[in-house]
Structure formats: structure tokens, C-alpha cells
Amino acid sequence: GKLAFALYARGTSGVIKTVQGDNLLVHKSINRAGRAFLHFLNQKSVPLEEIKYLMLRYSYHTKTIVAQLLVPETNRKKLPWKKTDLESFINQYPDIQGVLVSHSPLGVRSAETTKDFYHIGDIEIVEKVLGKKYHYHPSQFFQIYPDAFAQILEDISDQISLIPERNKLELVDMFAGVGIIGLHLADQVAQVHGVEQSSLSKEYALKNAKVNNIDNFTFTETDVDGALKYIKPDQILVIDPPRSGLTKQSHAKILEALPQHIIYISCNTETQAADYVKLRDHYDITWSRVYNLFPKTSHVEHMIALKRK
């Protein structure tokens, strides 16, 4: 049979699927590019088991698409299409800026990349949020609705502005991605240090600092638990962990150092609440807000500002 886009019911491991056409929750350019890639893959008679993910990234700044094809095949020579075929394909679609073809382990649900086979065109994505430009690689996390995320950045900035002598404090941005939160706040504090474990995060975060003429920014590329030494008492700590929340080691370090101020952003209110319960003997919630970054789903983003008692 031919490949088709589908939605699958949560909790069924993909067993129960519903074929879908266009997706109303994404930009129309992504729908067009998705249909084009689907046609290309079906023309090549690519079976489902030879495609793990098709990732499409749209930039609202450049109005272009960057795609990443993740395949379980470990040998480039055995891929079900030739590089020249893919080159001819994207040349027909001017809004497709580039394509990256990468290996991703079959038994891992995430879009983990172990190696890149090749890329065609320009695969570096550039987005603009609140006047600053951010470059990132297709394999990296970036908010898919930058204008909506801008409200979070503005609210963090407002909360930081209320801190006395903030210009003398260091801000540590854990789970920093390519640096967007820390770089947005850099002009309000003495120093920003970002921490992120994903590959290429340091390269892109430092590039983004340079592009935006920010010189009080440093970065460590490592697992957060390997960078707990950066958490100190007289600082502002920004944390934006994965859905699983903070680790035991992170909790222990926060309770040992007791940073003066904590901004906690979460895409899972349940783990965030559980994390706060462990901190509430030492911290008061001074502000909170819910954000609908995932329209027509049950998921929300939630931010709390904590002040040491």
C-alpha cells in the first residue's frame, strides 16, 4: 500500500490510526510540503518500515521549510532513493529551503539522530522572536509557534524586572536549547549561563549570542545533572525541563543552594506541581500563568515565579 499521513490514538502504540488530509494546526506551507514529500516517497515505492520520521520545520521569518528525513537504515547505499532524485524533487519547490537525511535508531521512539548521511540546500533554520534572530539545526528543539512563545518571554522579562539589583545577578538558564530565553533576558542581568545537553546546542547558542550582539553570555553543553555546580544562592535560576520534570539530583542541588529567584516553565503541570511540593517549604509562588501553545489539545504550558522565603 501507499504511505499516507495519519493520526493515531494515544496509548495504542500506533495500532489505531485515522488517515488525515491537511492539518489545520500547522502552517499551510507545511501541508503543501508534506503532500509533496508524500508524493515523492510513494513514487519511489518507499515502504513504511524504511521511514521513521519526516520532520518539517517552518520559519515565519524566512517563510521557508527545512525538512529532515530520519531512516532506520544504517547504510547510505541502501536508502530507497538516490541523492540526485531528492535534489531534483526539492528544486521544484522554492519554499523548501533544504533537506537533511539522517539515521535514527528504529527501537527509539524519539527523533534521535545518530549520524547524518547528507543534506541538500541550506538546512539552517532562522527564526525571529521579539526582534532577535535565532539560528538552529533541524534536529534541535525550537518552539513551533514563536509568536505565542513570545508572550512567555515577555512575562519572564516582566518578572525579572521586579527583582531588585537584578543587573548585579547572574542568570542560569537550565534546559536552554539554543539559548532563546537566556539571550532574551541578557540585557537585564549581569551574566547569563546556559546549559543544554543536545548536540550542537553550544555551537548554535553562541552563534545566536554573536548574531544578536550579546557579550555577557556563556554556555555549557552537557546534561543538566552534570552542570549542577552552576546553581548558586545569589542568582536567578530559569528551568524549562522536559515533561518528566526535574531529576532527584536537580532537586537536591536546588534545596542545597536555594537560589534567590526561580522561574519554572513546564509543558506538564502535573510534574511541575510535584516538583514545587518539594520546594514549597523554601519558596513562595509570586506569579503564575497558563499558555495555550498547543491549540485543540489537552496540553498547556505553565509558568510560575518562585521567590526564596
C-alpha atoms as a PDB file:
ATOM      1  CA  GLY A   1       0.000   0.000   0.000  1.00  0.00           C
ATOM      2  CA  LYS A   2       0.926   3.662  -0.307  1.00  0.00           C
ATOM      3  CA  LEU A   3       2.151   5.877   2.502  1.00  0.00           C
ATOM      4  CA  ALA A   4      -0.359   8.304   3.991  1.00  0.00           C
ATOM      5  CA  PHE A   5      -0.451  10.780   6.835  1.00  0.00           C
ATOM      6  CA  ALA A   6      -2.442   9.618   9.835  1.00  0.00           C
ATOM      7  CA  LEU A   7      -3.283  10.415  13.429  1.00  0.00           C
ATOM      8  CA  TYR A   8      -3.023   7.636  15.967  1.00  0.00           C
ATOM      9  CA  ALA A   9      -4.876   7.208  19.223  1.00  0.00           C
ATOM     10  CA  ARG A  10      -2.774   7.925  22.305  1.00  0.00           C
ATOM     11  CA  GLY A  11      -1.889   4.812  24.267  1.00  0.00           C
ATOM     12  CA  THR A  12      -2.303   2.405  21.354  1.00  0.00           C
ATOM     13  CA  SER A  13       1.373   2.443  20.256  1.00  0.00           C
ATOM     14  CA  GLY A  14       0.237   3.446  16.790  1.00  0.00           C
ATOM     15  CA  VAL A  15      -2.048   0.447  16.298  1.00  0.00           C
ATOM     16  CA  ILE A  16      -5.221   2.522  15.921  1.00  0.00           C
ATOM     17  CA  LYS A  17      -4.800   5.136  13.166  1.00  0.00           C
ATOM     18  CA  THR A  18      -7.031   7.560  11.296  1.00  0.00           C
ATOM     19  CA  VAL A  19      -5.905   8.711   7.859  1.00  0.00           C
ATOM     20  CA  GLN A  20      -5.845  12.501   7.619  1.00  0.00           C
ATOM     21  CA  GLY A  21      -5.591  15.130   4.930  1.00  0.00           C
ATOM     22  CA  ASP A  22      -4.395  18.641   5.707  1.00  0.00           C
ATOM     23  CA  ASN A  23      -3.672  19.521   9.318  1.00  0.00           C
ATOM     24  CA  LEU A  24      -5.403  22.725  10.426  1.00  0.00           C
ATOM     25  CA  LEU A  25      -2.958  23.198  13.327  1.00  0.00           C
ATOM     26  CA  VAL A  26       0.119  23.789  11.176  1.00  0.00           C
ATOM     27  CA  HIS A  27       1.098  26.414   8.630  1.00  0.00           C
ATOM     28  CA  LYS A  28      -0.303  25.870   5.136  1.00  0.00           C
ATOM     29  CA  SER A  29       3.251  25.679   3.760  1.00  0.00           C
ATOM     30  CA  ILE A  30       3.882  22.611   5.915  1.00  0.00           C
ATOM     31  CA  ASN A  31       0.780  20.957   4.497  1.00  0.00           C
ATOM     32  CA  ARG A  32       1.978  21.672   0.948  1.00  0.00           C
ATOM     33  CA  ALA A  33       5.473  20.390   1.657  1.00  0.00           C
ATOM     34  CA  GLY A  34       4.065  17.325   3.410  1.00  0.00           C
ATOM     35  CA  ARG A  35       1.941  16.407   0.403  1.00  0.00           C
ATOM     36  CA  ALA A  36       4.933  16.905  -1.894  1.00  0.00           C
ATOM     37  CA  PHE A  37       7.192  14.646   0.178  1.00  0.00           C
ATOM     38  CA  LEU A  38       4.455  12.021   0.412  1.00  0.00           C
ATOM     39  CA  HIS A  39       4.136  12.023  -3.385  1.00  0.00           C
ATOM     40  CA  PHE A  40       7.929  11.703  -3.769  1.00  0.00           C
ATOM     41  CA  LEU A  41       8.148   8.784  -1.324  1.00  0.00           C
ATOM     42  CA  ASN A  42       5.235   6.969  -2.947  1.00  0.00           C
ATOM     43  CA  GLN A  43       6.745   7.480  -6.386  1.00  0.00           C
ATOM     44  CA  LYS A  44       9.842   5.698  -5.069  1.00  0.00           C
ATOM     45  CA  SER A  45       7.637   2.967  -3.536  1.00  0.00           C
ATOM     46  CA  VAL A  46       9.224   3.562  -0.135  1.00  0.00           C
ATOM     47  CA  PRO A  47       7.724   1.135   2.428  1.00  0.00           C
ATOM     48  CA  LEU A  48       6.615   2.393   5.837  1.00  0.00           C
ATOM     49  CA  GLU A  49       9.350   0.489   7.669  1.00  0.00           C
ATOM     50  CA  GLU A  50      12.038   2.423   5.780  1.00  0.00           C
ATOM     51  CA  ILE A  51      10.844   5.854   7.010  1.00  0.00           C
ATOM     52  CA  LYS A  52      10.960   6.609  10.717  1.00  0.00           C
ATOM     53  CA  TYR A  53      10.086  10.314  10.689  1.00  0.00           C
ATOM     54  CA  LEU A  54       9.535  13.161   8.280  1.00  0.00           C
ATOM     55  CA  MET A  55      10.181  16.379  10.226  1.00  0.00           C
ATOM     56  CA  LEU A  56       9.079  19.651   8.609  1.00  0.00           C
ATOM     57  CA  ARG A  57      10.212  22.965  10.156  1.00  0.00           C
ATOM     58  CA  TYR A  58       8.666  26.237   9.014  1.00  0.00           C
ATOM     59  CA  SER A  59      10.317  29.605   9.631  1.00  0.00           C
ATOM     60  CA  TYR A  60       7.899  32.517   9.989  1.00  0.00           C
ATOM     61  CA  HIS A  61      10.886  34.830   9.456  1.00  0.00           C
ATOM     62  CA  THR A  62      12.203  33.426   6.158  1.00  0.00           C
ATOM     63  CA  LYS A  63       8.892  31.803   5.111  1.00  0.00           C
ATOM     64  CA  THR A  64      10.701  28.625   4.120  1.00  0.00           C
ATOM     65  CA  ILE A  65      10.655  24.930   5.048  1.00  0.00           C
ATOM     66  CA  VAL A  66      13.545  22.759   6.189  1.00  0.00           C
ATOM     67  CA  ALA A  67      12.916  19.004   6.211  1.00  0.00           C
ATOM     68  CA  GLN A  68      14.646  16.141   7.966  1.00  0.00           C
ATOM     69  CA  LEU A  69      14.114  12.557   6.832  1.00  0.00           C
ATOM     70  CA  LEU A  70      15.004  10.071   9.561  1.00  0.00           C
ATOM     71  CA  VAL A  71      15.525   6.492   8.433  1.00  0.00           C
ATOM     72  CA  PRO A  72      16.379   3.302  10.336  1.00  0.00           C
ATOM     73  CA  GLU A  73      18.740   2.146   7.570  1.00  0.00           C
ATOM     74  CA  THR A  74      22.399   2.408   8.653  1.00  0.00           C
ATOM     75  CA  ASN A  75      23.899   2.162   5.167  1.00  0.00           C
ATOM     76  CA  ARG A  76      23.503   5.163   2.889  1.00  0.00           C
ATOM     77  CA  LYS A  77      23.889   2.967  -0.200  1.00  0.00           C
ATOM     78  CA  LYS A  78      20.729   1.061   0.769  1.00  0.00           C
ATOM     79  CA  LEU A  79      18.473   4.103   1.035  1.00  0.00           C
ATOM     80  CA  PRO A  80      15.367   3.720  -1.189  1.00  0.00           C
ATOM     81  CA  TRP A  81      16.155   6.858  -3.221  1.00  0.00           C
ATOM     82  CA  LYS A  82      19.212   8.498  -4.744  1.00  0.00           C
ATOM     83  CA  LYS A  83      20.525  11.855  -3.575  1.00  0.00           C
ATOM     84  CA  THR A  84      20.088  13.185  -7.122  1.00  0.00           C
ATOM     85  CA  ASP A  85      16.409  12.183  -7.020  1.00  0.00           C
ATOM     86  CA  LEU A  86      15.930  14.211  -3.844  1.00  0.00           C
ATOM     87  CA  GLU A  87      17.795  17.155  -5.374  1.00  0.00           C
ATOM     88  CA  SER A  88      15.524  17.141  -8.420  1.00  0.00           C
ATOM     89  CA  PHE A  89      12.495  16.929  -6.151  1.00  0.00           C
ATOM     90  CA  ILE A  90      13.267  19.941  -3.930  1.00  0.00           C
ATOM     91  CA  ASN A  91      14.278  22.049  -6.931  1.00  0.00           C
ATOM     92  CA  GLN A  92      10.589  22.008  -7.884  1.00  0.00           C
ATOM     93  CA  TYR A  93       9.549  23.608  -4.589  1.00  0.00           C
ATOM     94  CA  PRO A  94      11.190  27.003  -3.909  1.00  0.00           C
ATOM     95  CA  ASP A  95       9.794  27.226  -0.375  1.00  0.00           C
ATOM     96  CA  ILE A  96      11.680  24.049   0.609  1.00  0.00           C
ATOM     97  CA  GLN A  97      14.998  25.529   1.670  1.00  0.00           C
ATOM     98  CA  GLY A  98      16.826  22.283   2.407  1.00  0.00           C
ATOM     99  CA  VAL A  99      16.607  18.601   3.344  1.00  0.00           C
ATOM    100  CA  LEU A 100      18.693  16.629   5.830  1.00  0.00           C
ATOM    101  CA  VAL A 101      18.782  12.823   5.656  1.00  0.00           C
ATOM    102  CA  SER A 102      19.788  11.143   8.910  1.00  0.00           C
ATOM    103  CA  HIS A 103      19.864   7.775  10.635  1.00  0.00           C
ATOM    104  CA  SER A 104      17.688   7.270  13.702  1.00  0.00           C
ATOM    105  CA  PRO A 105      17.525   4.002  15.700  1.00  0.00           C
ATOM    106  CA  LEU A 106      14.398   2.001  14.948  1.00  0.00           C
ATOM    107  CA  GLY A 107      13.750   0.960  18.556  1.00  0.00           C
ATOM    108  CA  VAL A 108      13.811   4.533  19.925  1.00  0.00           C
ATOM    109  CA  ARG A 109      10.531   6.485  19.784  1.00  0.00           C
ATOM    110  CA  SER A 110      12.170   9.910  19.794  1.00  0.00           C
ATOM    111  CA  ALA A 111      13.683  11.550  16.728  1.00  0.00           C
ATOM    112  CA  GLU A 112      17.174  10.745  17.978  1.00  0.00           C
ATOM    113  CA  THR A 113      19.852  11.210  15.315  1.00  0.00           C
ATOM    114  CA  THR A 114      22.951   9.022  15.405  1.00  0.00           C
ATOM    115  CA  LYS A 115      24.511  10.241  12.151  1.00  0.00           C
ATOM    116  CA  ASP A 116      23.708  12.462   9.194  1.00  0.00           C
ATOM    117  CA  PHE A 117      24.052  10.915   5.727  1.00  0.00           C
ATOM    118  CA  TYR A 118      23.902  14.152   3.714  1.00  0.00           C
ATOM    119  CA  HIS A 119      21.986  17.362   3.228  1.00  0.00           C
ATOM    120  CA  ILE A 120      20.736  19.254   0.192  1.00  0.00           C
ATOM    121  CA  GLY A 121      20.388  23.038   0.164  1.00  0.00           C
ATOM    122  CA  ASP A 122      20.563  25.159   3.303  1.00  0.00           C
ATOM    123  CA  ILE A 123      19.364  23.289   6.389  1.00  0.00           C
ATOM    124  CA  GLU A 124      19.991  26.029   8.966  1.00  0.00           C
ATOM    125  CA  ILE A 125      16.694  27.477  10.165  1.00  0.00           C
ATOM    126  CA  VAL A 126      16.423  31.135  11.164  1.00  0.00           C
ATOM    127  CA  GLU A 127      13.549  32.449  13.244  1.00  0.00           C
ATOM    128  CA  LYS A 128      12.917  35.919  14.647  1.00  0.00           C
ATOM    129  CA  VAL A 129      11.301  36.437  18.049  1.00  0.00           C
ATOM    130  CA  LEU A 130      10.791  39.870  19.649  1.00  0.00           C
ATOM    131  CA  GLY A 131      13.430  41.472  17.474  1.00  0.00           C
ATOM    132  CA  LYS A 132      16.157  38.853  17.941  1.00  0.00           C
ATOM    133  CA  LYS A 133      17.222  36.236  15.380  1.00  0.00           C
ATOM    134  CA  TYR A 134      17.794  32.622  16.355  1.00  0.00           C
ATOM    135  CA  HIS A 135      19.561  30.026  14.212  1.00  0.00           C
ATOM    136  CA  TYR A 136      19.033  26.332  14.831  1.00  0.00           C
ATOM    137  CA  HIS A 137      19.628  22.891  13.329  1.00  0.00           C
ATOM    138  CA  PRO A 138      16.710  20.669  12.186  1.00  0.00           C
ATOM    139  CA  SER A 139      17.492  18.125  14.908  1.00  0.00           C
ATOM    140  CA  GLN A 140      17.135  20.712  17.691  1.00  0.00           C
ATOM    141  CA  PHE A 141      14.091  21.735  19.677  1.00  0.00           C
ATOM    142  CA  PHE A 142      12.512  25.104  18.911  1.00  0.00           C
ATOM    143  CA  GLN A 143       9.019  26.355  19.704  1.00  0.00           C
ATOM    144  CA  ILE A 144       6.803  25.788  16.662  1.00  0.00           C
ATOM    145  CA  TYR A 145       4.663  28.881  17.389  1.00  0.00           C
ATOM    146  CA  PRO A 146       7.232  31.628  18.033  1.00  0.00           C
ATOM    147  CA  ASP A 147       4.663  34.424  18.345  1.00  0.00           C
ATOM    148  CA  ALA A 148       2.880  32.501  21.097  1.00  0.00           C
ATOM    149  CA  PHE A 149       6.168  31.777  22.867  1.00  0.00           C
ATOM    150  CA  ALA A 150       6.943  35.497  22.710  1.00  0.00           C
ATOM    151  CA  GLN A 151       4.281  36.044  25.383  1.00  0.00           C
ATOM    152  CA  ILE A 152       6.198  33.737  27.724  1.00  0.00           C
ATOM    153  CA  LEU A 153       9.413  35.644  27.058  1.00  0.00           C
ATOM    154  CA  GLU A 154       7.696  38.963  27.745  1.00  0.00           C
ATOM    155  CA  ASP A 155       6.244  37.628  31.005  1.00  0.00           C
ATOM    156  CA  ILE A 156       9.616  36.281  32.176  1.00  0.00           C
ATOM    157  CA  SER A 157      11.152  39.644  31.358  1.00  0.00           C
ATOM    158  CA  ASP A 158       8.456  41.410  33.385  1.00  0.00           C
ATOM    159  CA  GLN A 159       9.104  39.147  36.371  1.00  0.00           C
ATOM    160  CA  ILE A 160      12.861  39.685  36.158  1.00  0.00           C
ATOM    161  CA  SER A 161      12.320  43.451  36.023  1.00  0.00           C
ATOM    162  CA  LEU A 162      10.737  43.297  39.510  1.00  0.00           C
ATOM    163  CA  ILE A 163      13.894  41.852  41.102  1.00  0.00           C
ATOM    164  CA  PRO A 164      15.937  44.495  42.970  1.00  0.00           C
ATOM    165  CA  GLU A 165      19.509  44.932  41.705  1.00  0.00           C
ATOM    166  CA  ARG A 166      18.916  42.340  39.014  1.00  0.00           C
ATOM    167  CA  ASN A 167      21.734  43.881  36.978  1.00  0.00           C
ATOM    168  CA  LYS A 168      24.171  42.541  39.591  1.00  0.00           C
ATOM    169  CA  LEU A 169      22.860  38.967  39.463  1.00  0.00           C
ATOM    170  CA  GLU A 170      23.807  36.029  37.268  1.00  0.00           C
ATOM    171  CA  LEU A 171      21.017  34.193  35.457  1.00  0.00           C
ATOM    172  CA  VAL A 172      21.426  30.455  34.860  1.00  0.00           C
ATOM    173  CA  ASP A 173      19.231  29.012  32.118  1.00  0.00           C
ATOM    174  CA  MET A 174      18.920  25.238  32.516  1.00  0.00           C
ATOM    175  CA  PHE A 175      17.491  23.232  29.581  1.00  0.00           C
ATOM    176  CA  ALA A 176      18.434  26.223  27.450  1.00  0.00           C
ATOM    177  CA  GLY A 177      18.027  24.811  23.937  1.00  0.00           C
ATOM    178  CA  VAL A 178      19.732  27.222  21.526  1.00  0.00           C
ATOM    179  CA  GLY A 179      19.669  29.987  24.130  1.00  0.00           C
ATOM    180  CA  ILE A 180      16.441  31.841  23.344  1.00  0.00           C
ATOM    181  CA  ILE A 181      15.323  32.516  26.965  1.00  0.00           C
ATOM    182  CA  GLY A 182      18.730  33.483  28.326  1.00  0.00           C
ATOM    183  CA  LEU A 183      19.558  35.666  25.337  1.00  0.00           C
ATOM    184  CA  HIS A 184      16.239  37.477  25.606  1.00  0.00           C
ATOM    185  CA  LEU A 185      16.968  38.303  29.266  1.00  0.00           C
ATOM    186  CA  ALA A 186      20.680  39.091  28.921  1.00  0.00           C
ATOM    187  CA  ASP A 187      20.243  42.865  28.957  1.00  0.00           C
ATOM    188  CA  GLN A 188      18.569  42.744  32.381  1.00  0.00           C
ATOM    189  CA  VAL A 189      21.231  40.828  34.321  1.00  0.00           C
ATOM    190  CA  ALA A 190      24.978  40.837  34.881  1.00  0.00           C
ATOM    191  CA  GLN A 191      25.684  37.472  33.213  1.00  0.00           C
ATOM    192  CA  VAL A 192      23.812  34.594  31.596  1.00  0.00           C
ATOM    193  CA  HIS A 193      24.978  30.983  31.572  1.00  0.00           C
ATOM    194  CA  GLY A 194      23.049  28.441  29.508  1.00  0.00           C
ATOM    195  CA  VAL A 195      23.073  24.670  29.954  1.00  0.00           C
ATOM    196  CA  GLU A 196      21.742  22.150  27.421  1.00  0.00           C
ATOM    197  CA  GLN A 197      22.723  18.574  26.585  1.00  0.00           C
ATOM    198  CA  SER A 198      21.536  18.301  22.973  1.00  0.00           C
ATOM    199  CA  SER A 199      24.152  18.036  20.266  1.00  0.00           C
ATOM    200  CA  LEU A 200      25.166  21.332  18.612  1.00  0.00           C
ATOM    201  CA  SER A 201      23.392  23.378  21.317  1.00  0.00           C
ATOM    202  CA  LYS A 202      26.561  25.224  22.344  1.00  0.00           C
ATOM    203  CA  GLU A 203      27.542  25.965  18.754  1.00  0.00           C
ATOM    204  CA  TYR A 204      24.157  27.486  17.947  1.00  0.00           C
ATOM    205  CA  ALA A 205      23.631  29.243  21.277  1.00  0.00           C
ATOM    206  CA  LEU A 206      26.982  31.039  20.994  1.00  0.00           C
ATOM    207  CA  LYS A 207      26.245  31.847  17.352  1.00  0.00           C
ATOM    208  CA  ASN A 208      22.892  33.338  18.397  1.00  0.00           C
ATOM    209  CA  ALA A 209      24.627  35.430  21.051  1.00  0.00           C
ATOM    210  CA  LYS A 210      27.036  36.769  18.437  1.00  0.00           C
ATOM    211  CA  VAL A 211      24.281  37.441  15.877  1.00  0.00           C
ATOM    212  CA  ASN A 212      22.371  39.474  18.467  1.00  0.00           C
ATOM    213  CA  ASN A 213      25.474  41.316  19.758  1.00  0.00           C
ATOM    214  CA  ILE A 214      25.212  39.848  23.270  1.00  0.00           C
ATOM    215  CA  ASP A 215      28.541  39.539  25.077  1.00  0.00           C
ATOM    216  CA  ASN A 216      27.523  38.563  28.631  1.00  0.00           C
ATOM    217  CA  PHE A 217      26.549  35.025  27.628  1.00  0.00           C
ATOM    218  CA  THR A 218      28.350  31.713  28.211  1.00  0.00           C
ATOM    219  CA  PHE A 219      27.221  28.156  27.601  1.00  0.00           C
ATOM    220  CA  THR A 220      27.891  24.577  28.685  1.00  0.00           C
ATOM    221  CA  GLU A 221      26.807  21.635  26.543  1.00  0.00           C
ATOM    222  CA  THR A 222      26.079  18.841  28.994  1.00  0.00           C
ATOM    223  CA  ASP A 223      23.328  17.027  30.834  1.00  0.00           C
ATOM    224  CA  VAL A 224      21.802  19.327  33.462  1.00  0.00           C
ATOM    225  CA  ASP A 225      22.763  16.923  36.243  1.00  0.00           C
ATOM    226  CA  GLY A 226      26.353  17.338  35.098  1.00  0.00           C
ATOM    227  CA  ALA A 227      26.159  21.123  35.487  1.00  0.00           C
ATOM    228  CA  LEU A 228      24.566  21.475  38.915  1.00  0.00           C
ATOM    229  CA  LYS A 229      27.639  23.339  40.162  1.00  0.00           C
ATOM    230  CA  TYR A 230      26.300  26.397  38.330  1.00  0.00           C
ATOM    231  CA  ILE A 231      23.287  26.626  40.662  1.00  0.00           C
ATOM    232  CA  LYS A 232      24.163  29.116  43.426  1.00  0.00           C
ATOM    233  CA  PRO A 233      22.317  31.096  46.140  1.00  0.00           C
ATOM    234  CA  ASP A 234      22.545  34.658  44.800  1.00  0.00           C
ATOM    235  CA  GLN A 235      21.242  34.146  41.296  1.00  0.00           C
ATOM    236  CA  ILE A 236      18.171  33.837  39.104  1.00  0.00           C
ATOM    237  CA  LEU A 237      17.547  30.242  38.028  1.00  0.00           C
ATOM    238  CA  VAL A 238      15.412  29.560  34.948  1.00  0.00           C
ATOM    239  CA  ILE A 239      14.312  25.960  34.412  1.00  0.00           C
ATOM    240  CA  ASP A 240      12.295  24.577  31.497  1.00  0.00           C
ATOM    241  CA  PRO A 241      12.605  20.783  31.877  1.00  0.00           C
ATOM    242  CA  PRO A 242      11.106  18.003  29.743  1.00  0.00           C
ATOM    243  CA  ARG A 243       7.678  16.588  30.573  1.00  0.00           C
ATOM    244  CA  SER A 244       9.216  14.270  33.180  1.00  0.00           C
ATOM    245  CA  GLY A 245      10.190  17.278  35.319  1.00  0.00           C
ATOM    246  CA  LEU A 246      13.295  17.730  37.453  1.00  0.00           C
ATOM    247  CA  THR A 247      15.582  14.883  38.461  1.00  0.00           C
ATOM    248  CA  LYS A 248      16.323  13.942  42.075  1.00  0.00           C
ATOM    249  CA  GLN A 249      19.826  15.375  41.704  1.00  0.00           C
ATOM    250  CA  SER A 250      18.469  18.708  40.467  1.00  0.00           C
ATOM    251  CA  HIS A 251      16.022  18.890  43.375  1.00  0.00           C
ATOM    252  CA  ALA A 252      18.776  18.149  45.854  1.00  0.00           C
ATOM    253  CA  LYS A 253      21.058  20.839  44.419  1.00  0.00           C
ATOM    254  CA  ILE A 254      18.310  23.476  44.368  1.00  0.00           C
ATOM    255  CA  LEU A 255      17.466  22.720  48.012  1.00  0.00           C
ATOM    256  CA  GLU A 256      21.151  22.908  48.916  1.00  0.00           C
ATOM    257  CA  ALA A 257      21.904  26.164  47.094  1.00  0.00           C
ATOM    258  CA  LEU A 258      18.457  27.809  47.432  1.00  0.00           C
ATOM    259  CA  PRO A 259      18.712  30.289  44.539  1.00  0.00           C
ATOM    260  CA  GLN A 260      17.118  33.621  45.361  1.00  0.00           C
ATOM    261  CA  HIS A 261      14.688  33.503  42.425  1.00  0.00           C
ATOM    262  CA  ILE A 262      13.413  30.653  40.239  1.00  0.00           C
ATOM    263  CA  ILE A 263      11.395  30.857  37.032  1.00  0.00           C
ATOM    264  CA  TYR A 264       9.913  27.420  36.274  1.00  0.00           C
ATOM    265  CA  ILE A 265       8.355  26.812  32.843  1.00  0.00           C
ATOM    266  CA  SER A 266       6.694  23.476  32.167  1.00  0.00           C
ATOM    267  CA  CYS A 267       4.742  21.631  29.490  1.00  0.00           C
ATOM    268  CA  ASN A 268       3.447  19.208  32.137  1.00  0.00           C
ATOM    269  CA  THR A 269       1.598  20.812  35.033  1.00  0.00           C
ATOM    270  CA  GLU A 270       1.460  17.520  36.956  1.00  0.00           C
ATOM    271  CA  THR A 271       5.232  17.087  37.212  1.00  0.00           C
ATOM    272  CA  GLN A 272       5.653  20.818  37.806  1.00  0.00           C
ATOM    273  CA  ALA A 273       3.225  20.669  40.749  1.00  0.00           C
ATOM    274  CA  ALA A 274       5.037  17.635  42.174  1.00  0.00           C
ATOM    275  CA  ASP A 275       8.356  19.476  41.829  1.00  0.00           C
ATOM    276  CA  TYR A 276       7.001  22.556  43.615  1.00  0.00           C
ATOM    277  CA  VAL A 277       5.713  20.464  46.532  1.00  0.00           C
ATOM    278  CA  LYS A 278       9.345  19.524  47.214  1.00  0.00           C
ATOM    279  CA  LEU A 279      10.365  23.202  47.147  1.00  0.00           C
ATOM    280  CA  ARG A 280       7.451  24.933  48.875  1.00  0.00           C
ATOM    281  CA  ASP A 281       8.992  24.932  52.368  1.00  0.00           C
ATOM    282  CA  HIS A 282      11.600  27.322  50.988  1.00  0.00           C
ATOM    283  CA  TYR A 283       9.781  29.153  48.176  1.00  0.00           C
ATOM    284  CA  ASP A 284       6.594  31.135  47.639  1.00  0.00           C
ATOM    285  CA  ILE A 285       4.834  31.327  44.265  1.00  0.00           C
ATOM    286  CA  THR A 286       4.680  35.023  43.437  1.00  0.00           C
ATOM    287  CA  TRP A 287       3.172  34.738  39.947  1.00  0.00           C
ATOM    288  CA  SER A 288       1.786  32.139  37.524  1.00  0.00           C
ATOM    289  CA  ARG A 289       0.176  31.921  34.110  1.00  0.00           C
ATOM    290  CA  VAL A 290      -1.093  29.229  31.721  1.00  0.00           C
ATOM    291  CA  TYR A 291      -0.363  29.407  27.979  1.00  0.00           C
ATOM    292  CA  ASN A 292      -2.223  27.656  25.179  1.00  0.00           C
ATOM    293  CA  LEU A 293       0.719  26.793  22.930  1.00  0.00           C
ATOM    294  CA  PHE A 294      -0.886  23.550  21.762  1.00  0.00           C
ATOM    295  CA  PRO A 295      -4.313  24.526  20.332  1.00  0.00           C
ATOM    296  CA  LYS A 296      -7.146  21.985  20.428  1.00  0.00           C
ATOM    297  CA  THR A 297      -5.158  19.568  22.614  1.00  0.00           C
ATOM    298  CA  SER A 298      -5.234  18.891  26.351  1.00  0.00           C
ATOM    299  CA  HIS A 299      -1.694  20.224  26.765  1.00  0.00           C
ATOM    300  CA  VAL A 300      -0.728  23.649  28.066  1.00  0.00           C
ATOM    301  CA  GLU A 301       2.465  25.459  29.033  1.00  0.00           C
ATOM    302  CA  HIS A 302       2.574  26.817  32.578  1.00  0.00           C
ATOM    303  CA  MET A 303       4.987  29.213  34.244  1.00  0.00           C
ATOM    304  CA  ILE A 304       5.500  30.029  37.912  1.00  0.00           C
ATOM    305  CA  ALA A 305       7.807  32.577  39.520  1.00  0.00           C
ATOM    306  CA  LEU A 306       9.282  31.492  42.869  1.00  0.00           C
ATOM    307  CA  LYS A 307      10.948  33.660  45.495  1.00  0.00           C
ATOM    308  CA  ARG A 308      13.035  32.303  48.324  1.00  0.00           C
ATOM    309  CA  LYS A 309      11.361  32.770  51.733  1.00  0.00           C
END
